[in-house]
Amino acid sequence: MKYYIIAGEASGDLHGSNLMKELYRQDPGAVIRFWGGDLMQQSGGTLVKHYRDLAFMGFAEVIQNLGTILRNIKFCKQDISAYNPDAIIFIDYPGFNMRIAKWAKKQGYRTHYYISPQIWAWKENRIRAIKRDIDKLYIILPFEKEFYENKHDYKVEFVGHPLIDAIHNRTATDTEAFKKAHNLDGRPVIALLPGSRKQEIAKMLSVMLSVVDDFPDYQFVIAGAPAQEYSFYEPFITDKNIKFISNKTYDLLSIAHAALVTSGTATLETALFKVPEVVCYKGSPISYQIAKRIITLKYISLVNLIMDSEVVKELIQGECNPRNIRTELRKILTPEYRQNLLGQYDLLEQKLGGEGASRKTAELIIKHLT
């Protein structure tokens, strides 16, 4: 069968690549065309557009790039029509994907959504579009099932979280070889995960790096996003105690002692690697003020949302400053604090379900098509 997959971000590229592997394994005749990234490209199929050309963050940034977004939507529709797939699989990235889904459903294509749009956070009225335009929705967060089925009378499939597969199935890092290859010394590592988009990296990295001199017994390592070149990070690296490692985030987290993490999927990845973290977020003033008025969640990190309590400290906008980062980082470096936090991480993983999210999703998609 012919599949058309649309992923518009780094996390979607990771989960899309694992889903593609399962589709190829379970459907020997699978042909896949996709929007995604390097990981999906390594899994096979034909790359149409790379997510680095699609990722715009925040309300102001979207408005500034509206012309590009509209051209991409038009091109995507034309490309789907020419390819004529048996199924379209959307992975997260709702602003773009829901527009394509509305059009695709009218054309008679079968529509599958893997990793639900986070309408429980904002734009809850999107439920009407989901009910109308999505044939099957595969969710990865446990509280989403109650939200969709009990609150909105829409049947969904909880498949577990694909990060568990991605982390458990990876090749273990050779710690000493990794440190030697990247010129790391014997001090404990504090990983810096400032995000994957240029806008968020530019906002977050400077404030994260402002505390480096306060922790001389630790070495700070920036996790470079796969879609960004070193030249973009270079102006920020002004201290010899700062290292940079590109496209090796999981290897870095596997050896990290603590981390400063921009809100997003990375907060959950860090927790699943059992690394104590402080969650940091600063948006553009306009985007933040708009978001503050329409998002009513108690927390911004997935860790806290899933646990429904402040397991990890969140420093947001004005609170995300050098003094607070310094204070919270010192806390997570203390043995007592770390022990309690790691116990909470174990409970978090239990809530997310077991392994096999990609396998289950592929099985359900193929079952629906056949």
Protein backbone atom coordinates (compact mmCIF):
# COMPACT_ATOMS: atom_id res chain seq x y z
CA MET A 1 0.00 0.00 0.00
CA LYS A 2 1.00 3.63 -0.51
CA TYR A 3 1.45 5.84 2.55
CA TYR A 4 1.93 9.60 2.73
CA ILE A 5 3.34 10.79 6.07
CA ILE A 6 3.65 14.40 7.26
CA ALA A 7 5.94 15.24 10.21
CA GLY A 8 7.05 18.84 10.70
CA GLU A 9 9.42 18.74 13.67
CA ALA A 10 12.42 16.87 15.09
CA SER A 11 10.30 14.77 17.46
CA GLY A 12 7.95 13.86 14.60
CA ASP A 13 10.94 12.80 12.54
CA LEU A 14 12.02 10.39 15.31
CA HIS A 15 8.59 8.86 15.80
CA GLY A 16 7.90 8.85 12.06
CA SER A 17 11.09 6.91 11.40
CA ASN A 18 10.11 4.17 13.86
CA LEU A 19 6.58 4.02 12.47
CA MET A 20 7.99 3.69 8.93
CA LYS A 21 10.18 0.77 10.01
CA GLU A 22 7.10 -1.00 11.36
CA LEU A 23 5.03 -0.25 8.25
CA TYR A 24 7.78 -1.71 6.07
CA ARG A 25 8.05 -4.75 8.37
CA GLN A 26 4.32 -5.46 8.51
CA ASP A 27 3.47 -4.46 4.93
CA PRO A 28 6.11 -5.83 2.52
CA GLY A 29 4.50 -3.87 -0.32
CA ALA A 30 4.64 -0.53 1.48
CA VAL A 31 5.65 2.53 -0.53
CA ILE A 32 6.14 5.70 1.53
CA ARG A 33 6.41 9.34 0.58
CA PHE A 34 6.91 11.81 3.43
CA TRP A 35 7.65 15.21 4.90
CA GLY A 36 10.15 14.75 7.73
CA GLY A 37 13.85 14.67 8.43
CA ASP A 38 17.07 12.71 8.37
CA LEU A 39 15.84 9.82 10.54
CA MET A 40 12.81 9.20 8.35
CA GLN A 41 15.03 9.41 5.28
CA GLN A 42 17.30 6.74 6.74
CA SER A 43 14.26 4.47 7.13
CA GLY A 44 13.55 4.53 3.39
CA GLY A 45 10.91 6.14 1.23
CA THR A 46 10.97 9.46 -0.60
CA LEU A 47 11.56 12.74 1.24
CA VAL A 48 9.41 15.58 -0.11
CA LYS A 49 10.34 18.40 2.28
CA HIS A 50 12.66 18.56 5.29
CA TYR A 51 11.18 19.81 8.56
CA ARG A 52 13.94 22.42 8.89
CA ASP A 53 12.09 24.35 6.16
CA LEU A 54 8.77 24.11 8.00
CA ALA A 55 9.38 24.90 11.66
CA PHE A 56 8.11 28.29 12.77
CA MET A 57 7.57 28.85 16.49
CA GLY A 58 5.11 31.17 18.18
CA PHE A 59 2.32 33.42 17.00
CA ALA A 60 4.51 36.29 15.81
CA GLU A 61 6.87 34.00 13.89
CA VAL A 62 3.97 32.26 12.15
CA ILE A 63 2.54 35.60 11.01
CA GLN A 64 5.93 36.70 9.68
CA ASN A 65 6.26 33.50 7.63
CA LEU A 66 2.63 33.18 6.57
CA GLY A 67 3.43 33.37 2.84
CA THR A 68 5.84 30.43 3.06
CA ILE A 69 3.36 28.39 5.10
CA LEU A 70 0.55 28.96 2.58
CA ARG A 71 2.82 27.98 -0.33
CA ASN A 72 3.78 24.79 1.52
CA ILE A 73 0.11 23.92 2.09
CA LYS A 74 -0.68 24.40 -1.61
CA PHE A 75 2.33 22.32 -2.67
CA CYS A 76 1.44 19.55 -0.20
CA LYS A 77 -2.07 19.20 -1.62
CA GLN A 78 -0.71 19.03 -5.16
CA ASP A 79 1.88 16.43 -4.16
CA ILE A 80 -0.71 14.23 -2.42
CA SER A 81 -3.01 14.41 -5.44
CA ALA A 82 -0.21 13.36 -7.78
CA TYR A 83 0.86 10.50 -5.48
CA ASN A 84 -2.68 9.32 -4.62
CA PRO A 85 -1.88 7.38 -1.41
CA ASP A 86 -4.01 4.70 0.25
CA ALA A 87 -3.62 6.53 3.55
CA ILE A 88 -2.30 9.84 4.86
CA ILE A 89 -0.63 9.69 8.26
CA PHE A 90 -0.27 12.95 10.17
CA ILE A 91 2.28 13.14 12.99
CA ASP A 92 1.69 15.97 15.51
CA TYR A 93 2.38 19.40 13.83
CA PRO A 94 -1.32 20.37 14.03
CA GLY A 95 -1.31 23.88 12.57
CA PHE A 96 -0.26 22.48 9.20
CA ASN A 97 -1.62 18.96 9.41
CA MET A 98 -5.19 19.84 10.36
CA ARG A 99 -5.46 22.09 7.30
CA ILE A 100 -4.28 19.27 5.05
CA ALA A 101 -6.61 16.81 6.82
CA LYS A 102 -9.66 18.96 6.12
CA TRP A 103 -8.83 19.04 2.41
CA ALA A 104 -7.79 15.35 2.29
CA LYS A 105 -11.03 14.12 3.85
CA LYS A 106 -13.05 16.01 1.25
CA GLN A 107 -11.00 14.30 -1.47
CA GLY A 108 -11.87 10.89 -0.04
CA TYR A 109 -8.45 9.98 1.39
CA ARG A 110 -8.24 7.88 4.54
CA THR A 111 -6.76 9.95 7.33
CA HIS A 112 -4.80 8.71 10.35
CA TYR A 113 -3.35 10.94 13.07
CA TYR A 114 -0.45 9.62 15.15
CA ILE A 115 0.33 11.72 18.25
CA SER A 116 -2.73 13.80 18.89
CA PRO A 117 -2.79 17.58 18.55
CA GLN A 118 -2.62 18.93 22.09
CA ILE A 119 -6.12 20.36 22.03
CA TRP A 120 -6.43 19.65 25.75
CA ALA A 121 -3.95 22.52 26.18
CA TRP A 122 -5.56 25.05 23.86
CA LYS A 123 -7.88 25.27 20.87
CA GLU A 124 -10.19 22.64 22.35
CA ASN A 125 -12.73 23.58 19.67
CA ARG A 126 -10.49 21.70 17.21
CA ILE A 127 -12.30 18.58 18.41
CA ARG A 128 -14.99 19.32 15.81
CA ALA A 129 -12.41 19.26 13.02
CA ILE A 130 -10.82 16.08 14.39
CA LYS A 131 -14.16 14.29 14.51
CA ARG A 132 -14.95 15.44 10.97
CA ASP A 133 -11.57 14.99 9.28
CA ILE A 134 -9.68 12.19 11.08
CA ASP A 135 -10.67 8.54 10.58
CA LYS A 136 -8.38 7.16 13.30
CA LEU A 137 -6.53 8.96 16.10
CA TYR A 138 -3.63 7.29 17.94
CA ILE A 139 -2.78 8.91 21.29
CA ILE A 140 0.40 8.57 23.33
CA LEU A 141 -0.45 10.27 26.65
CA PRO A 142 -2.61 8.38 29.17
CA PHE A 143 -4.83 11.33 30.17
CA GLU A 144 -5.79 11.96 26.53
CA LYS A 145 -8.03 8.87 26.37
CA GLU A 146 -10.37 10.21 29.04
CA PHE A 147 -10.29 13.65 27.40
CA TYR A 148 -11.38 12.38 23.99
CA GLU A 149 -13.69 9.51 24.94
CA ASN A 150 -15.36 10.71 28.13
CA LYS A 151 -15.44 14.44 27.50
CA HIS A 152 -15.90 14.49 23.72
CA ASP A 153 -17.37 11.07 22.86
CA TYR A 154 -14.67 10.34 20.27
CA LYS A 155 -13.06 6.90 20.25
CA VAL A 156 -9.26 6.88 20.16
CA GLU A 157 -6.48 4.29 20.43
CA PHE A 158 -3.95 4.62 23.26
CA VAL A 159 -0.78 3.02 21.90
CA GLY A 160 1.72 4.05 24.59
CA HIS A 161 4.51 6.57 24.23
CA PRO A 162 6.96 6.02 21.33
CA LEU A 163 9.82 7.57 23.29
CA ILE A 164 9.96 4.42 25.42
CA ASP A 165 10.70 2.38 22.29
CA ALA A 166 13.16 4.93 20.94
CA ILE A 167 15.14 4.93 24.18
CA HIS A 168 14.97 1.22 25.02
CA ASN A 169 15.87 0.08 21.51
CA ARG A 170 18.87 2.34 21.00
CA THR A 171 22.43 1.03 21.09
CA ALA A 172 23.95 1.68 24.51
CA THR A 173 26.49 4.50 24.61
CA ASP A 174 30.11 3.60 25.30
CA THR A 175 30.64 6.32 27.89
CA GLU A 176 34.42 6.47 27.81
CA ALA A 177 34.62 6.34 24.02
CA PHE A 178 31.94 9.05 23.72
CA LYS A 179 33.74 11.35 26.16
CA LYS A 180 37.05 10.84 24.40
CA ALA A 181 35.56 11.42 20.93
CA HIS A 182 34.08 14.73 22.06
CA ASN A 183 36.96 15.95 24.21
CA LEU A 184 35.06 15.73 27.50
CA ASP A 185 37.01 15.51 30.75
CA GLY A 186 36.24 13.60 33.96
CA ARG A 187 33.86 16.16 35.50
CA PRO A 188 30.11 15.42 35.63
CA VAL A 189 28.19 16.69 32.61
CA ILE A 190 25.37 19.22 32.68
CA ALA A 191 23.50 18.93 29.38
CA LEU A 192 21.91 22.00 27.79
CA LEU A 193 18.93 21.31 25.53
CA PRO A 194 17.86 24.72 24.17
CA GLY A 195 15.43 23.39 21.56
CA SER A 196 15.51 22.64 17.85
CA ARG A 197 14.30 25.87 16.20
CA LYS A 198 16.50 28.90 15.70
CA GLN A 199 14.07 31.23 17.45
CA GLU A 200 13.95 29.22 20.67
CA ILE A 201 17.67 28.40 20.66
CA ALA A 202 18.56 32.09 20.33
CA LYS A 203 16.28 32.95 23.27
CA MET A 204 17.25 30.07 25.57
CA LEU A 205 20.95 29.42 25.09
CA SER A 206 22.28 32.73 26.40
CA VAL A 207 20.35 32.50 29.67
CA MET A 208 21.31 28.84 30.12
CA LEU A 209 24.98 29.62 29.59
CA SER A 210 24.88 32.55 32.02
CA VAL A 211 25.42 30.18 34.97
CA VAL A 212 28.45 28.28 33.63
CA ASP A 213 31.01 30.14 35.75
CA ASP A 214 29.05 29.31 38.92
CA PHE A 215 29.63 25.56 38.48
CA PRO A 216 33.36 25.06 37.81
CA ASP A 217 33.22 21.43 39.01
CA TYR A 218 30.90 20.54 36.11
CA GLN A 219 31.27 20.71 32.33
CA PHE A 220 28.43 22.13 30.26
CA VAL A 221 27.58 20.49 26.94
CA ILE A 222 25.17 21.95 24.38
CA ALA A 223 23.02 19.40 22.55
CA GLY A 224 23.05 20.66 18.97
CA ALA A 225 19.82 20.10 17.03
CA PRO A 226 20.19 17.98 13.87
CA ALA A 227 18.66 20.68 11.67
CA GLN A 228 21.06 23.44 12.79
CA GLU A 229 24.68 24.03 11.81
CA TYR A 230 27.48 24.62 14.34
CA SER A 231 27.96 28.12 12.90
CA PHE A 232 24.60 29.11 14.40
CA TYR A 233 25.70 28.08 17.92
CA GLU A 234 29.28 29.36 17.67
CA PRO A 235 28.62 32.98 18.77
CA PHE A 236 27.16 31.68 22.05
CA ILE A 237 30.19 29.54 22.94
CA THR A 238 32.46 32.03 24.70
CA ASP A 239 33.83 29.91 27.55
CA LYS A 240 36.29 27.01 27.50
CA ASN A 241 34.00 25.14 29.93
CA ILE A 242 31.33 24.92 27.20
CA LYS A 243 31.33 22.01 24.77
CA PHE A 244 29.10 21.40 21.76
CA ILE A 245 27.90 18.04 20.44
CA SER A 246 25.61 17.92 17.42
CA ASN A 247 22.85 15.40 16.78
CA LYS A 248 23.82 13.11 19.69
CA THR A 249 21.22 14.13 22.26
CA TYR A 250 20.44 10.60 23.48
CA ASP A 251 24.12 9.75 23.87
CA LEU A 252 24.59 12.98 25.79
CA LEU A 253 21.61 12.36 28.07
CA SER A 254 22.84 8.84 28.77
CA ILE A 255 26.00 10.27 30.41
CA ALA A 256 24.54 13.51 31.84
CA HIS A 257 24.38 14.23 35.56
CA ALA A 258 21.79 17.01 35.21
CA ALA A 259 20.20 19.11 32.47
CA LEU A 260 18.65 22.47 31.63
CA VAL A 261 15.89 21.81 29.12
CA THR A 262 13.63 24.00 27.01
CA SER A 263 10.01 22.96 27.39
CA GLY A 264 8.82 20.38 24.87
CA THR A 265 9.33 16.71 24.13
CA ALA A 266 12.89 17.03 25.42
CA THR A 267 11.60 17.38 28.98
CA LEU A 268 10.08 13.90 28.76
CA GLU A 269 13.13 12.43 27.01
CA THR A 270 15.36 13.77 29.78
CA ALA A 271 13.13 12.23 32.45
CA LEU A 272 13.08 8.84 30.71
CA PHE A 273 16.89 8.90 30.72
CA LYS A 274 16.58 9.49 34.49
CA VAL A 275 18.42 12.82 34.35
CA PRO A 276 17.38 15.48 36.91
CA GLU A 277 16.33 18.61 35.03
CA VAL A 278 15.19 22.21 35.28
CA VAL A 279 12.67 23.21 32.61
CA CYS A 280 13.30 26.63 31.07
CA TYR A 281 11.13 28.60 28.67
CA LYS A 282 11.17 32.11 27.22
CA GLY A 283 9.07 33.11 24.22
CA SER A 284 8.86 36.37 22.34
CA PRO A 285 6.90 38.92 24.43
CA ILE A 286 3.99 38.97 21.98
CA SER A 287 3.75 35.18 21.69
CA TYR A 288 3.98 34.76 25.46
CA GLN A 289 1.26 37.30 26.23
CA ILE A 290 -1.10 35.69 23.71
CA ALA A 291 -0.35 32.16 24.97
CA LYS A 292 -0.83 33.22 28.59
CA ARG A 293 -4.38 34.31 27.84
CA ILE A 294 -5.52 31.23 25.94
CA ILE A 295 -3.63 28.33 27.57
CA THR A 296 -5.04 27.32 30.95
CA LEU A 297 -2.78 24.39 31.84
CA LYS A 298 -1.14 24.25 35.25
CA TYR A 299 2.19 23.17 33.75
CA ILE A 300 4.14 23.48 30.50
CA SER A 301 6.34 20.37 30.71
CA LEU A 302 5.07 16.94 29.72
CA VAL A 303 6.60 15.44 32.86
CA ASN A 304 4.43 17.57 35.14
CA LEU A 305 1.34 17.30 32.94
CA ILE A 306 1.45 13.50 32.96
CA MET A 307 2.13 13.31 36.70
CA ASP A 308 -0.32 16.14 37.46
CA SER A 309 2.14 17.67 39.93
CA GLU A 310 5.31 19.75 39.81
CA VAL A 311 7.84 16.94 39.62
CA VAL A 312 10.38 19.14 37.81
CA LYS A 313 10.82 22.87 38.36
CA GLU A 314 9.51 25.10 35.56
CA LEU A 315 11.05 28.54 35.04
CA ILE A 316 8.87 30.47 32.60
CA GLN A 317 9.46 33.84 30.92
CA GLY A 318 10.48 36.37 33.59
CA GLU A 319 11.28 33.62 36.10
CA CYS A 320 13.72 32.13 33.60
CA ASN A 321 16.68 34.24 34.68
CA PRO A 322 20.27 33.50 35.77
CA ARG A 323 19.52 33.76 39.49
CA ASN A 324 16.66 31.27 39.43
CA ILE A 325 18.43 28.87 37.08
CA ARG A 326 21.46 28.92 39.39
CA THR A 327 19.29 28.20 42.45
CA GLU A 328 17.30 25.37 40.88
CA LEU A 329 20.36 23.76 39.30
CA ARG A 330 22.07 23.64 42.68
CA LYS A 331 18.99 21.89 44.10
CA ILE A 332 18.95 19.06 41.56
CA LEU A 333 22.67 18.46 42.15
CA THR A 334 22.06 17.57 45.82
CA PRO A 335 21.80 13.80 46.60
CA GLU A 336 18.51 13.98 48.55
CA TYR A 337 16.69 15.97 45.88
CA ARG A 338 17.98 13.70 43.13
CA GLN A 339 16.88 10.52 44.89
CA ASN A 340 13.30 11.75 45.27
CA LEU A 341 13.18 13.01 41.68
CA LEU A 342 14.42 9.71 40.23
CA GLY A 343 11.69 7.88 42.14
CA GLN A 344 9.10 10.15 40.52
CA TYR A 345 10.64 9.40 37.10
CA ASP A 346 10.05 5.67 37.67
CA LEU A 347 6.36 6.34 38.36
CA LEU A 348 6.20 8.49 35.24
CA GLU A 349 7.44 5.67 33.04
CA GLN A 350 4.85 3.28 34.50
CA LYS A 351 2.07 5.74 33.61
CA LEU A 352 3.24 5.90 29.98
CA GLY A 353 2.63 2.20 29.37
CA GLY A 354 5.00 -0.37 27.95
CA GLU A 355 6.97 -0.68 24.77
CA GLY A 356 5.52 -1.15 21.29
CA ALA A 357 3.84 2.16 20.34
CA SER A 358 5.14 2.11 16.76
CA ARG A 359 4.25 -1.56 16.27
CA LYS A 360 0.73 -1.11 17.65
CA THR A 361 0.12 1.98 15.52
CA ALA A 362 1.30 0.30 12.32
CA GLU A 363 -0.88 -2.74 13.06
CA LEU A 364 -3.96 -0.57 13.58
CA ILE A 365 -3.35 1.50 10.42
CA ILE A 366 -2.90 -1.60 8.26
CA LYS A 367 -5.92 -3.27 9.88
CA HIS A 368 -8.07 -0.25 9.10
CA LEU A 369 -6.90 -0.16 5.49
CA THR A 370 -7.45 -3.87 4.86
